[in-house]
Amino acid sequence: MEIEFFKYQGTGNDFIMVDNRRDTFPKKDTKLVARLCNRRFGIGADGLILLEDDSSADFNMVYYNADGRQGSLCGNGGRCIVAFARFLGIIGDTTSFMAVDGVHTATIEGDTVSLKMNDVAVIREKPHYLFLDTGSPHHVQLVQGLEQMQVKEEGERLRYGLYGRKGSNINFVEAVSKTVFSVRTYERGVEDETLSCGTGVTAVALAMYHQGKTDKTKVTIKTRGGQLQVMFEPRDGTYRNIYLKGPALQVFKGIIPC
């Protein structure tokens, strides 16, 4: 069997895209997914995404972490699958699609995709960090000397030490200005630092507003893979109309035996 795939990246967060509208991909083969995502023995990616038919939306997004297991929402993956769907001719410049956490809408202009995220009503404040779920669970911690941090080692310690086997994504944040924040993220499922994390960037923006580190509802988040913008509306203790905006690009396509 051979699989046709397309490689996409959003601010360095990279994904294998497969058009699975004919339902031919062996979805239960977690070892195959992990091998395809492996950077030494496969294509190499932070995750694999299947685009499938859906009866109530333009398409369905099925996301797998690099370890081969199905994951929670991936924000950059969501932006990339919108670009993929337009490349396939399924959508125009606007869309609604189904993901693991429900329906999302998005717009695309050139290589820039703006993805609407689900509302966030709960942000838990702890002495040294915040915790919230933006489609995936996120630990957000302000630090100094972000560039010098050992993100993999410290992220792994917190991911398992604080959150157990289920784990959480770990975000280390440093303020650049009132409207710009830098972040480095350790992602569960990848079990390493990634160049960018869409749900993590969203979590950071909301957490910084919640803590009073910014009073702006549009902020720029700098990742190692590039910049993303997050816009939102705080209302009655809930964050609504949350949008994650940034580039989503096709890198290459190919065929791989499996």
C-alpha atoms as a PDB file:
ATOM      1  CA  MET A   1       0.000   0.000   0.000  1.00  0.00           C
ATOM      2  CA  GLU A   2       1.141   3.545  -0.785  1.00  0.00           C
ATOM      3  CA  ILE A   3      -0.058   6.766   0.817  1.00  0.00           C
ATOM      4  CA  GLU A   4      -0.156  10.114  -0.953  1.00  0.00           C
ATOM      5  CA  PHE A   5       0.601  12.875   1.520  1.00  0.00           C
ATOM      6  CA  PHE A   6       1.132  16.612   1.679  1.00  0.00           C
ATOM      7  CA  LYS A   7       3.396  18.375   4.158  1.00  0.00           C
ATOM      8  CA  TYR A   8       2.204  21.655   5.691  1.00  0.00           C
ATOM      9  CA  GLN A   9       3.641  23.973   8.317  1.00  0.00           C
ATOM     10  CA  GLY A  10       2.267  26.836  10.380  1.00  0.00           C
ATOM     11  CA  THR A  11       5.034  28.891  12.045  1.00  0.00           C
ATOM     12  CA  GLY A  12       7.238  25.795  12.067  1.00  0.00           C
ATOM     13  CA  ASN A  13       4.609  23.459  13.536  1.00  0.00           C
ATOM     14  CA  ASP A  14       4.590  20.824  10.782  1.00  0.00           C
ATOM     15  CA  PHE A  15       1.988  18.243   9.785  1.00  0.00           C
ATOM     16  CA  ILE A  16       1.449  15.362   7.399  1.00  0.00           C
ATOM     17  CA  MET A  17      -1.868  15.884   5.591  1.00  0.00           C
ATOM     18  CA  VAL A  18      -3.784  13.002   4.055  1.00  0.00           C
ATOM     19  CA  ASP A  19      -6.977  13.291   2.009  1.00  0.00           C
ATOM     20  CA  ASN A  20      -9.000  10.462   3.559  1.00  0.00           C
ATOM     21  CA  ARG A  21     -12.387  11.172   2.011  1.00  0.00           C
ATOM     22  CA  ARG A  22     -12.389   7.643   0.565  1.00  0.00           C
ATOM     23  CA  ASP A  23     -11.692   6.210   4.047  1.00  0.00           C
ATOM     24  CA  THR A  24      -8.642   4.181   2.973  1.00  0.00           C
ATOM     25  CA  PHE A  25      -6.161   5.240   5.660  1.00  0.00           C
ATOM     26  CA  PRO A  26      -5.580   2.540   8.350  1.00  0.00           C
ATOM     27  CA  LYS A  27      -6.723   4.752  11.230  1.00  0.00           C
ATOM     28  CA  LYS A  28      -6.165   2.189  13.991  1.00  0.00           C
ATOM     29  CA  ASP A  29      -2.520   1.603  13.051  1.00  0.00           C
ATOM     30  CA  THR A  30      -0.869   3.843  15.645  1.00  0.00           C
ATOM     31  CA  LYS A  31       2.573   2.388  14.853  1.00  0.00           C
ATOM     32  CA  LEU A  32       2.207   3.480  11.230  1.00  0.00           C
ATOM     33  CA  VAL A  33       1.246   7.022  12.245  1.00  0.00           C
ATOM     34  CA  ALA A  34       4.221   7.216  14.608  1.00  0.00           C
ATOM     35  CA  ARG A  35       6.563   5.921  11.884  1.00  0.00           C
ATOM     36  CA  LEU A  36       5.296   8.434   9.340  1.00  0.00           C
ATOM     37  CA  CYS A  37       5.854  11.261  11.848  1.00  0.00           C
ATOM     38  CA  ASN A  38       9.338  10.013  12.755  1.00  0.00           C
ATOM     39  CA  ARG A  39      12.017  12.386  11.488  1.00  0.00           C
ATOM     40  CA  ARG A  40      14.602   9.629  10.997  1.00  0.00           C
ATOM     41  CA  PHE A  41      12.554   6.766   9.574  1.00  0.00           C
ATOM     42  CA  GLY A  42       9.502   8.473   8.089  1.00  0.00           C
ATOM     43  CA  ILE A  43       8.358  11.769   6.621  1.00  0.00           C
ATOM     44  CA  GLY A  44       8.836  13.707   9.840  1.00  0.00           C
ATOM     45  CA  ALA A  45       6.189  15.877  11.506  1.00  0.00           C
ATOM     46  CA  ASP A  46       4.728  17.082  14.797  1.00  0.00           C
ATOM     47  CA  GLY A  47       1.482  15.322  13.883  1.00  0.00           C
ATOM     48  CA  LEU A  48      -0.613  13.678  11.165  1.00  0.00           C
ATOM     49  CA  ILE A  49      -4.011  15.001  10.065  1.00  0.00           C
ATOM     50  CA  LEU A  50      -6.707  13.251   8.071  1.00  0.00           C
ATOM     51  CA  LEU A  51      -9.214  15.282   6.072  1.00  0.00           C
ATOM     52  CA  GLU A  52     -12.511  13.402   5.915  1.00  0.00           C
ATOM     53  CA  ASP A  53     -16.089  13.986   4.772  1.00  0.00           C
ATOM     54  CA  ASP A  54     -18.570  15.308   7.315  1.00  0.00           C
ATOM     55  CA  SER A  55     -22.357  15.489   7.019  1.00  0.00           C
ATOM     56  CA  SER A  56     -22.748  18.732   8.974  1.00  0.00           C
ATOM     57  CA  ALA A  57     -19.672  20.732   7.922  1.00  0.00           C
ATOM     58  CA  ASP A  58     -17.319  21.175   4.968  1.00  0.00           C
ATOM     59  CA  PHE A  59     -14.978  18.463   6.269  1.00  0.00           C
ATOM     60  CA  ASN A  60     -13.822  16.635   9.385  1.00  0.00           C
ATOM     61  CA  MET A  61     -10.349  16.999  10.923  1.00  0.00           C
ATOM     62  CA  VAL A  62      -8.857  13.902  12.584  1.00  0.00           C
ATOM     63  CA  TYR A  63      -5.618  14.724  14.395  1.00  0.00           C
ATOM     64  CA  TYR A  64      -2.887  12.346  15.565  1.00  0.00           C
ATOM     65  CA  ASN A  65       0.040  13.278  17.768  1.00  0.00           C
ATOM     66  CA  ALA A  66       3.525  12.296  16.654  1.00  0.00           C
ATOM     67  CA  ASP A  67       3.386   9.334  19.050  1.00  0.00           C
ATOM     68  CA  GLY A  68       0.589   7.822  16.937  1.00  0.00           C
ATOM     69  CA  ARG A  69      -2.316   8.470  19.290  1.00  0.00           C
ATOM     70  CA  GLN A  70      -5.305  10.635  18.448  1.00  0.00           C
ATOM     71  CA  GLY A  71      -4.959  13.988  20.135  1.00  0.00           C
ATOM     72  CA  SER A  72      -7.011  16.929  21.307  1.00  0.00           C
ATOM     73  CA  LEU A  73      -7.411  20.069  19.202  1.00  0.00           C
ATOM     74  CA  CYS A  74      -4.338  21.346  17.382  1.00  0.00           C
ATOM     75  CA  GLY A  75      -4.654  25.056  16.556  1.00  0.00           C
ATOM     76  CA  ASN A  76      -1.871  25.298  13.982  1.00  0.00           C
ATOM     77  CA  GLY A  77      -3.025  21.985  12.534  1.00  0.00           C
ATOM     78  CA  GLY A  78      -6.512  23.453  12.241  1.00  0.00           C
ATOM     79  CA  ARG A  79      -5.143  26.405  10.314  1.00  0.00           C
ATOM     80  CA  CYS A  80      -3.095  24.112   8.066  1.00  0.00           C
ATOM     81  CA  ILE A  81      -6.008  21.811   7.240  1.00  0.00           C
ATOM     82  CA  VAL A  82      -8.016  24.861   6.148  1.00  0.00           C
ATOM     83  CA  ALA A  83      -5.222  25.710   3.693  1.00  0.00           C
ATOM     84  CA  PHE A  84      -5.179  22.056   2.572  1.00  0.00           C
ATOM     85  CA  ALA A  85      -8.949  22.020   2.039  1.00  0.00           C
ATOM     86  CA  ARG A  86      -8.733  25.094  -0.167  1.00  0.00           C
ATOM     87  CA  PHE A  87      -5.861  23.508  -2.114  1.00  0.00           C
ATOM     88  CA  LEU A  88      -8.098  20.476  -2.718  1.00  0.00           C
ATOM     89  CA  GLY A  89     -10.893  22.741  -3.937  1.00  0.00           C
ATOM     90  CA  ILE A  90     -13.275  21.730  -1.125  1.00  0.00           C
ATOM     91  CA  ILE A  91     -13.700  25.278   0.182  1.00  0.00           C
ATOM     92  CA  GLY A  92     -13.275  28.875  -0.881  1.00  0.00           C
ATOM     93  CA  ASP A  93     -12.105  31.645   1.432  1.00  0.00           C
ATOM     94  CA  THR A  94     -14.408  30.697   4.309  1.00  0.00           C
ATOM     95  CA  THR A  95     -15.243  27.372   5.918  1.00  0.00           C
ATOM     96  CA  SER A  96     -16.707  25.512   8.846  1.00  0.00           C
ATOM     97  CA  PHE A  97     -15.238  22.169   9.797  1.00  0.00           C
ATOM     98  CA  MET A  98     -15.608  19.546  12.493  1.00  0.00           C
ATOM     99  CA  ALA A  99     -12.812  18.812  14.968  1.00  0.00           C
ATOM    100  CA  VAL A 100     -12.539  16.771  18.123  1.00  0.00           C
ATOM    101  CA  ASP A 101     -13.905  19.665  20.224  1.00  0.00           C
ATOM    102  CA  GLY A 102     -16.741  20.618  17.865  1.00  0.00           C
ATOM    103  CA  VAL A 103     -17.296  22.895  14.880  1.00  0.00           C
ATOM    104  CA  HIS A 104     -14.789  25.615  13.998  1.00  0.00           C
ATOM    105  CA  THR A 105     -15.038  28.385  11.431  1.00  0.00           C
ATOM    106  CA  ALA A 106     -12.122  29.944   9.579  1.00  0.00           C
ATOM    107  CA  THR A 107     -11.214  32.400   6.858  1.00  0.00           C
ATOM    108  CA  ILE A 108      -8.218  32.290   4.535  1.00  0.00           C
ATOM    109  CA  GLU A 109      -6.561  35.122   2.637  1.00  0.00           C
ATOM    110  CA  GLY A 110      -3.454  34.268   0.667  1.00  0.00           C
ATOM    111  CA  ASP A 111      -1.306  32.162   2.996  1.00  0.00           C
ATOM    112  CA  THR A 112      -2.900  33.563   6.171  1.00  0.00           C
ATOM    113  CA  VAL A 113      -5.572  31.599   8.026  1.00  0.00           C
ATOM    114  CA  SER A 114      -7.705  32.965  10.857  1.00  0.00           C
ATOM    115  CA  LEU A 115      -9.228  30.169  12.927  1.00  0.00           C
ATOM    116  CA  LYS A 116     -12.015  30.689  15.434  1.00  0.00           C
ATOM    117  CA  MET A 117     -11.399  28.832  18.677  1.00  0.00           C
ATOM    118  CA  ASN A 118     -13.985  27.728  21.204  1.00  0.00           C
ATOM    119  CA  ASP A 119     -14.926  29.944  24.158  1.00  0.00           C
ATOM    120  CA  VAL A 120     -12.858  29.665  27.338  1.00  0.00           C
ATOM    121  CA  ALA A 121     -14.696  30.117  30.637  1.00  0.00           C
ATOM    122  CA  VAL A 122     -12.244  28.756  33.213  1.00  0.00           C
ATOM    123  CA  ILE A 123      -8.689  29.901  33.956  1.00  0.00           C
ATOM    124  CA  ARG A 124      -7.176  28.444  37.101  1.00  0.00           C
ATOM    125  CA  GLU A 125      -4.619  30.610  38.890  1.00  0.00           C
ATOM    126  CA  LYS A 126      -1.875  28.940  40.881  1.00  0.00           C
ATOM    127  CA  PRO A 127       0.994  30.611  42.779  1.00  0.00           C
ATOM    128  CA  HIS A 128       3.467  30.363  39.874  1.00  0.00           C
ATOM    129  CA  TYR A 129       1.401  29.512  36.803  1.00  0.00           C
ATOM    130  CA  LEU A 130      -2.048  29.401  35.212  1.00  0.00           C
ATOM    131  CA  PHE A 131      -3.920  26.467  33.726  1.00  0.00           C
ATOM    132  CA  LEU A 132      -6.583  26.595  31.021  1.00  0.00           C
ATOM    133  CA  ASP A 133      -8.005  24.516  28.195  1.00  0.00           C
ATOM    134  CA  THR A 134      -8.094  26.057  24.717  1.00  0.00           C
ATOM    135  CA  GLY A 135      -9.034  22.797  23.005  1.00  0.00           C
ATOM    136  CA  SER A 136      -5.963  21.232  24.599  1.00  0.00           C
ATOM    137  CA  PRO A 137      -4.785  21.630  28.216  1.00  0.00           C
ATOM    138  CA  HIS A 138      -2.117  24.268  28.819  1.00  0.00           C
ATOM    139  CA  HIS A 139       0.142  25.258  31.691  1.00  0.00           C
ATOM    140  CA  VAL A 140       1.283  28.897  31.278  1.00  0.00           C
ATOM    141  CA  GLN A 141       4.242  30.122  33.320  1.00  0.00           C
ATOM    142  CA  LEU A 142       6.011  33.484  33.221  1.00  0.00           C
ATOM    143  CA  VAL A 143       9.805  33.233  33.281  1.00  0.00           C
ATOM    144  CA  GLN A 144      12.911  35.344  32.846  1.00  0.00           C
ATOM    145  CA  GLY A 145      15.710  34.331  30.502  1.00  0.00           C
ATOM    146  CA  LEU A 146      13.423  32.397  28.159  1.00  0.00           C
ATOM    147  CA  GLU A 147      16.068  31.869  25.494  1.00  0.00           C
ATOM    148  CA  GLN A 148      18.413  30.199  27.981  1.00  0.00           C
ATOM    149  CA  MET A 149      15.821  27.779  29.356  1.00  0.00           C
ATOM    150  CA  GLN A 150      16.144  24.012  28.985  1.00  0.00           C
ATOM    151  CA  VAL A 151      12.577  23.702  27.746  1.00  0.00           C
ATOM    152  CA  LYS A 152      12.561  19.974  27.025  1.00  0.00           C
ATOM    153  CA  GLU A 153      13.939  19.037  30.431  1.00  0.00           C
ATOM    154  CA  GLU A 154      11.825  21.466  32.473  1.00  0.00           C
ATOM    155  CA  GLY A 155       8.746  20.910  30.342  1.00  0.00           C
ATOM    156  CA  GLU A 156       9.002  17.161  30.735  1.00  0.00           C
ATOM    157  CA  ARG A 157       9.397  17.512  34.505  1.00  0.00           C
ATOM    158  CA  LEU A 158       6.235  19.611  34.807  1.00  0.00           C
ATOM    159  CA  ARG A 159       4.264  17.646  32.216  1.00  0.00           C
ATOM    160  CA  TYR A 160       4.565  14.438  34.222  1.00  0.00           C
ATOM    161  CA  GLY A 161       5.291  15.785  37.703  1.00  0.00           C
ATOM    162  CA  LEU A 162       2.303  18.114  37.942  1.00  0.00           C
ATOM    163  CA  TYR A 163      -0.169  16.498  35.569  1.00  0.00           C
ATOM    164  CA  GLY A 164       0.560  12.776  35.691  1.00  0.00           C
ATOM    165  CA  ARG A 165       0.153  10.338  32.844  1.00  0.00           C
ATOM    166  CA  LYS A 166      -2.536  12.353  31.024  1.00  0.00           C
ATOM    167  CA  GLY A 167      -0.228  15.348  31.069  1.00  0.00           C
ATOM    168  CA  SER A 168      -0.500  18.914  29.863  1.00  0.00           C
ATOM    169  CA  ASN A 169       1.291  21.101  27.379  1.00  0.00           C
ATOM    170  CA  ILE A 170       3.777  23.409  29.107  1.00  0.00           C
ATOM    171  CA  ASN A 171       4.289  27.017  27.991  1.00  0.00           C
ATOM    172  CA  PHE A 172       7.103  29.255  29.220  1.00  0.00           C
ATOM    173  CA  VAL A 173       6.413  32.955  28.559  1.00  0.00           C
ATOM    174  CA  GLU A 174       8.401  36.171  28.664  1.00  0.00           C
ATOM    175  CA  ALA A 175       6.895  39.625  28.087  1.00  0.00           C
ATOM    176  CA  VAL A 176       8.439  41.697  25.288  1.00  0.00           C
ATOM    177  CA  SER A 177       5.967  44.581  25.622  1.00  0.00           C
ATOM    178  CA  LYS A 178       2.338  45.136  26.651  1.00  0.00           C
ATOM    179  CA  THR A 179       1.175  43.653  23.355  1.00  0.00           C
ATOM    180  CA  VAL A 180       3.960  41.198  22.471  1.00  0.00           C
ATOM    181  CA  PHE A 181       4.948  38.011  24.318  1.00  0.00           C
ATOM    182  CA  SER A 182       7.522  35.337  23.520  1.00  0.00           C
ATOM    183  CA  VAL A 183       6.702  31.690  24.231  1.00  0.00           C
ATOM    184  CA  ARG A 184       8.419  28.322  24.071  1.00  0.00           C
ATOM    185  CA  THR A 185       6.257  25.219  24.372  1.00  0.00           C
ATOM    186  CA  TYR A 186       6.795  21.610  25.379  1.00  0.00           C
ATOM    187  CA  GLU A 187       4.044  19.557  23.715  1.00  0.00           C
ATOM    188  CA  ARG A 188       2.666  16.331  25.102  1.00  0.00           C
ATOM    189  CA  GLY A 189       2.333  13.688  22.386  1.00  0.00           C
ATOM    190  CA  VAL A 190       5.429  15.101  20.702  1.00  0.00           C
ATOM    191  CA  GLU A 191       7.230  14.915  24.070  1.00  0.00           C
ATOM    192  CA  ASP A 192       9.606  17.679  23.077  1.00  0.00           C
ATOM    193  CA  GLU A 193       9.722  21.382  22.369  1.00  0.00           C
ATOM    194  CA  THR A 194       7.999  22.386  19.136  1.00  0.00           C
ATOM    195  CA  LEU A 195       8.662  25.528  17.121  1.00  0.00           C
ATOM    196  CA  SER A 196       5.083  26.689  17.671  1.00  0.00           C
ATOM    197  CA  CYS A 197       1.809  25.551  19.253  1.00  0.00           C
ATOM    198  CA  GLY A 198      -1.473  27.180  18.216  1.00  0.00           C
ATOM    199  CA  THR A 199      -3.578  26.242  21.230  1.00  0.00           C
ATOM    200  CA  GLY A 200      -0.594  27.166  23.417  1.00  0.00           C
ATOM    201  CA  VAL A 201      -0.275  30.598  21.820  1.00  0.00           C
ATOM    202  CA  THR A 202      -4.002  31.114  22.387  1.00  0.00           C
ATOM    203  CA  ALA A 203      -3.668  30.054  26.026  1.00  0.00           C
ATOM    204  CA  VAL A 204      -0.772  32.456  26.555  1.00  0.00           C
ATOM    205  CA  ALA A 205      -2.713  35.429  25.168  1.00  0.00           C
ATOM    206  CA  LEU A 206      -5.723  34.761  27.402  1.00  0.00           C
ATOM    207  CA  ALA A 207      -3.566  34.055  30.457  1.00  0.00           C
ATOM    208  CA  MET A 208      -1.585  37.295  30.047  1.00  0.00           C
ATOM    209  CA  TYR A 209      -4.816  39.303  29.818  1.00  0.00           C
ATOM    210  CA  HIS A 210      -6.275  37.447  32.792  1.00  0.00           C
ATOM    211  CA  GLN A 211      -3.185  38.250  34.873  1.00  0.00           C
ATOM    212  CA  GLY A 212      -3.213  41.911  33.882  1.00  0.00           C
ATOM    213  CA  LYS A 213       0.041  41.684  31.937  1.00  0.00           C
ATOM    214  CA  THR A 214      -1.788  43.275  28.997  1.00  0.00           C
ATOM    215  CA  ASP A 215      -5.007  45.237  28.678  1.00  0.00           C
ATOM    216  CA  LYS A 216      -5.203  44.671  24.924  1.00  0.00           C
ATOM    217  CA  THR A 217      -7.538  42.155  23.281  1.00  0.00           C
ATOM    218  CA  LYS A 218      -5.274  41.703  20.276  1.00  0.00           C
ATOM    219  CA  VAL A 219      -1.767  40.487  21.045  1.00  0.00           C
ATOM    220  CA  THR A 220       1.195  39.156  19.110  1.00  0.00           C
ATOM    221  CA  ILE A 221       2.882  35.976  20.245  1.00  0.00           C
ATOM    222  CA  LYS A 222       6.422  35.263  19.093  1.00  0.00           C
ATOM    223  CA  THR A 223       7.388  31.599  18.753  1.00  0.00           C
ATOM    224  CA  ARG A 224      10.613  30.093  17.473  1.00  0.00           C
ATOM    225  CA  GLY A 225       8.813  29.369  14.207  1.00  0.00           C
ATOM    226  CA  GLY A 226       7.337  32.827  13.664  1.00  0.00           C
ATOM    227  CA  GLN A 227       4.629  35.189  14.869  1.00  0.00           C
ATOM    228  CA  LEU A 228       0.922  34.591  15.464  1.00  0.00           C
ATOM    229  CA  GLN A 229      -1.866  36.956  16.449  1.00  0.00           C
ATOM    230  CA  VAL A 230      -4.639  36.206  18.928  1.00  0.00           C
ATOM    231  CA  MET A 231      -7.823  38.289  19.151  1.00  0.00           C
ATOM    232  CA  PHE A 232     -10.579  37.801  21.735  1.00  0.00           C
ATOM    233  CA  GLU A 233     -13.483  39.393  23.602  1.00  0.00           C
ATOM    234  CA  PRO A 234     -13.638  39.095  27.412  1.00  0.00           C
ATOM    235  CA  ARG A 235     -17.251  39.140  28.561  1.00  0.00           C
ATOM    236  CA  ASP A 236     -18.797  38.174  31.920  1.00  0.00           C
ATOM    237  CA  GLY A 237     -15.840  36.037  32.909  1.00  0.00           C
ATOM    238  CA  THR A 238     -15.736  34.182  29.594  1.00  0.00           C
ATOM    239  CA  TYR A 239     -13.437  34.729  26.624  1.00  0.00           C
ATOM    240  CA  ARG A 240     -15.433  34.699  23.382  1.00  0.00           C
ATOM    241  CA  ASN A 241     -14.785  35.257  19.675  1.00  0.00           C
ATOM    242  CA  ILE A 242     -11.234  33.972  20.042  1.00  0.00           C
ATOM    243  CA  TYR A 243      -9.275  33.952  16.784  1.00  0.00           C
ATOM    244  CA  LEU A 244      -5.840  32.491  16.058  1.00  0.00           C
ATOM    245  CA  LYS A 245      -4.281  34.073  12.981  1.00  0.00           C
ATOM    246  CA  GLY A 246      -1.098  33.322  11.083  1.00  0.00           C
ATOM    247  CA  PRO A 247       0.531  31.665   8.061  1.00  0.00           C
ATOM    248  CA  ALA A 248      -0.172  28.114   6.846  1.00  0.00           C
ATOM    249  CA  LEU A 249       1.968  26.850   3.974  1.00  0.00           C
ATOM    250  CA  GLN A 250       2.341  23.723   1.863  1.00  0.00           C
ATOM    251  CA  VAL A 251       5.961  22.537   1.944  1.00  0.00           C
ATOM    252  CA  PHE A 252       5.964  19.494  -0.344  1.00  0.00           C
ATOM    253  CA  LYS A 253       3.974  16.424  -1.372  1.00  0.00           C
ATOM    254  CA  GLY A 254       4.907  12.817  -1.982  1.00  0.00           C
ATOM    255  CA  ILE A 255       4.053   9.135  -1.907  1.00  0.00           C
ATOM    256  CA  ILE A 256       5.335   6.784   0.787  1.00  0.00           C
ATOM    257  CA  PRO A 257       4.961   2.993   1.075  1.00  0.00           C
ATOM    258  CA  CYS A 258       3.458   1.620   4.262  1.00  0.00           C
END
